[in-house]
Amino acid sequence: QVQLVESGGGLVQAGGSLRLSCAASGRTFGTYAMGWFRQAPGKEREFVAGISWSGGNTNYAVSVKGRFTISREDNAKNTVYLQMNSLQPEDTAVYYCAADFSRGPWDVTPRPYDYDYWGQGTQVTVSS
């Protein structure tokens, strides 16, 4: 089993920034892509950003491109970050990280059903 623990959520004013972290532990053998998803009340879970095992390939939702940056530790690779700038009220949601063990070292997918493990989520609230 793999455990994913998110941290860094909170309340921020519009235009502010937050940095989310996700630490993976347990049977983290092999290569795995990691992604961030979010779910707002009454809405479906949506893809936010993803990063390959190598860190060399990233993918972003159109709504966050240019504002959010996903990154991964170079050495251990078990921790992924999501730097969120210029936050807007529509970014309010529970943010989840996920791990996909089916990808090659350079691949990343935006499809939530491709991800094998999920964290419990961290709340991000952006006030106007």
Protein backbone atom coordinates (compact mmCIF):
# COMPACT_ATOMS: atom_id res chain seq x y z
CA GLN A 1 0.00 0.00 0.00
CA VAL A 2 0.96 3.58 -0.58
CA GLN A 3 -0.02 6.44 1.68
CA LEU A 4 -0.29 10.01 0.45
CA VAL A 5 -0.53 12.91 2.86
CA GLU A 6 -1.30 16.43 1.71
CA SER A 7 -0.54 19.61 3.61
CA GLY A 8 -0.42 23.34 3.08
CA GLY A 9 -4.05 24.18 2.52
CA GLY A 10 -5.76 27.09 4.20
CA LEU A 11 -7.60 30.37 3.79
CA VAL A 12 -6.14 33.07 1.56
CA GLN A 13 -7.40 36.27 -0.02
CA ALA A 14 -7.87 36.55 -3.75
CA GLY A 15 -4.55 37.25 -5.42
CA GLY A 16 -2.62 35.41 -2.74
CA SER A 17 -0.51 32.27 -2.87
CA LEU A 18 -0.35 28.88 -1.23
CA ARG A 19 2.02 25.96 -1.56
CA LEU A 20 0.65 22.46 -1.20
CA SER A 21 2.81 19.46 -0.41
CA CYS A 22 2.13 15.76 -0.82
CA ALA A 23 4.35 13.12 0.72
CA ALA A 24 4.19 9.50 -0.43
CA SER A 25 5.21 6.62 1.81
CA GLY A 26 4.84 2.88 2.00
CA ARG A 27 5.47 0.66 -1.02
CA THR A 28 6.76 3.45 -3.24
CA PHE A 29 8.86 1.20 -5.45
CA GLY A 30 9.18 1.75 -9.14
CA THR A 31 8.24 4.74 -11.19
CA TYR A 32 5.01 6.63 -10.64
CA ALA A 33 3.53 9.85 -11.86
CA MET A 34 1.81 12.14 -9.41
CA GLY A 35 -1.07 14.49 -9.88
CA TRP A 36 -3.15 17.08 -8.13
CA PHE A 37 -6.92 17.13 -8.44
CA ARG A 38 -9.57 19.28 -6.81
CA GLN A 39 -13.24 19.04 -6.00
CA ALA A 40 -15.48 21.97 -5.21
CA PRO A 41 -18.86 21.53 -3.51
CA GLY A 42 -21.43 20.18 -5.92
CA LYS A 43 -18.87 19.61 -8.66
CA GLU A 44 -16.97 16.64 -10.00
CA ARG A 45 -13.34 16.05 -9.18
CA GLU A 46 -11.16 17.71 -11.80
CA PHE A 47 -7.54 17.47 -12.85
CA VAL A 48 -5.30 20.37 -11.83
CA ALA A 49 -1.72 19.36 -12.62
CA GLY A 50 0.45 16.30 -13.06
CA ILE A 51 4.14 15.46 -13.16
CA SER A 52 6.01 12.45 -14.45
CA TRP A 53 8.39 10.33 -12.38
CA SER A 54 11.35 11.97 -14.06
CA GLY A 55 9.95 15.44 -13.37
CA GLY A 56 10.62 16.29 -16.98
CA ASN A 57 7.03 16.21 -18.13
CA THR A 58 4.22 18.25 -16.61
CA ASN A 59 0.60 18.80 -17.53
CA TYR A 60 -1.83 21.51 -16.38
CA ALA A 61 -5.50 22.24 -16.61
CA VAL A 62 -6.22 25.27 -18.76
CA SER A 63 -7.79 27.05 -15.80
CA VAL A 64 -4.56 27.02 -13.77
CA LYS A 65 -1.89 27.23 -16.44
CA GLY A 66 0.43 30.14 -15.81
CA ARG A 67 -0.68 30.44 -12.17
CA PHE A 68 0.11 27.02 -10.69
CA THR A 69 3.39 25.13 -10.81
CA ILE A 70 3.84 21.47 -9.97
CA SER A 71 7.27 20.18 -8.98
CA ARG A 72 8.86 17.11 -7.53
CA GLU A 73 11.87 16.48 -5.33
CA ASP A 74 14.88 15.61 -7.44
CA ASN A 75 16.33 12.89 -5.26
CA ALA A 76 13.75 10.95 -3.28
CA LYS A 77 10.92 11.86 -5.67
CA ASN A 78 8.40 10.95 -3.00
CA THR A 79 7.24 14.50 -2.42
CA VAL A 80 5.39 16.67 -4.88
CA TYR A 81 4.49 20.32 -4.53
CA LEU A 82 1.86 22.58 -6.02
CA GLN A 83 2.71 26.26 -5.94
CA MET A 84 -0.49 28.23 -6.42
CA ASN A 85 -0.24 31.93 -7.25
CA SER A 86 -2.85 34.53 -8.14
CA LEU A 87 -5.52 32.48 -6.41
CA GLN A 88 -9.12 33.26 -7.20
CA PRO A 89 -12.36 32.35 -5.39
CA GLU A 90 -13.08 29.77 -8.09
CA ASP A 91 -9.97 27.90 -6.95
CA THR A 92 -11.73 27.09 -3.68
CA ALA A 93 -11.91 23.32 -3.34
CA VAL A 94 -10.54 20.30 -1.58
CA TYR A 95 -7.23 19.46 -3.23
CA TYR A 96 -6.14 15.84 -3.54
CA CYS A 97 -2.85 14.36 -4.62
CA ALA A 98 -2.71 11.01 -6.34
CA ALA A 99 -0.11 8.51 -7.53
CA ASP A 100 -0.20 6.57 -10.79
CA PHE A 101 2.00 3.48 -10.89
CA SER A 102 1.07 2.54 -14.44
CA ARG A 103 3.08 5.28 -16.17
CA GLY A 104 6.54 5.16 -17.58
CA PRO A 105 9.14 7.56 -16.20
CA TRP A 106 8.23 10.29 -18.69
CA ASP A 107 4.46 9.90 -18.80
CA VAL A 108 1.68 11.67 -16.93
CA THR A 109 -2.08 11.49 -17.42
CA PRO A 110 -4.92 13.86 -16.47
CA ARG A 111 -7.44 11.01 -16.11
CA PRO A 112 -8.40 10.43 -12.48
CA TYR A 113 -9.30 6.77 -13.05
CA ASP A 114 -5.68 6.08 -14.04
CA TYR A 115 -4.45 6.95 -10.56
CA ASP A 116 -4.03 4.14 -8.07
CA TYR A 117 -3.71 5.90 -4.72
CA TRP A 118 -5.23 9.05 -3.32
CA GLY A 119 -4.63 11.27 -0.34
CA GLN A 120 -7.33 12.51 2.04
CA GLY A 121 -7.30 16.02 0.65
CA THR A 122 -6.57 19.48 1.98
CA GLN A 123 -9.00 22.39 1.92
CA VAL A 124 -8.12 25.54 0.00
CA THR A 125 -10.43 28.50 0.47
CA VAL A 126 -9.95 31.75 -1.43
CA SER A 127 -11.93 34.74 -0.22
CA SER A 128 -12.90 37.61 -2.48
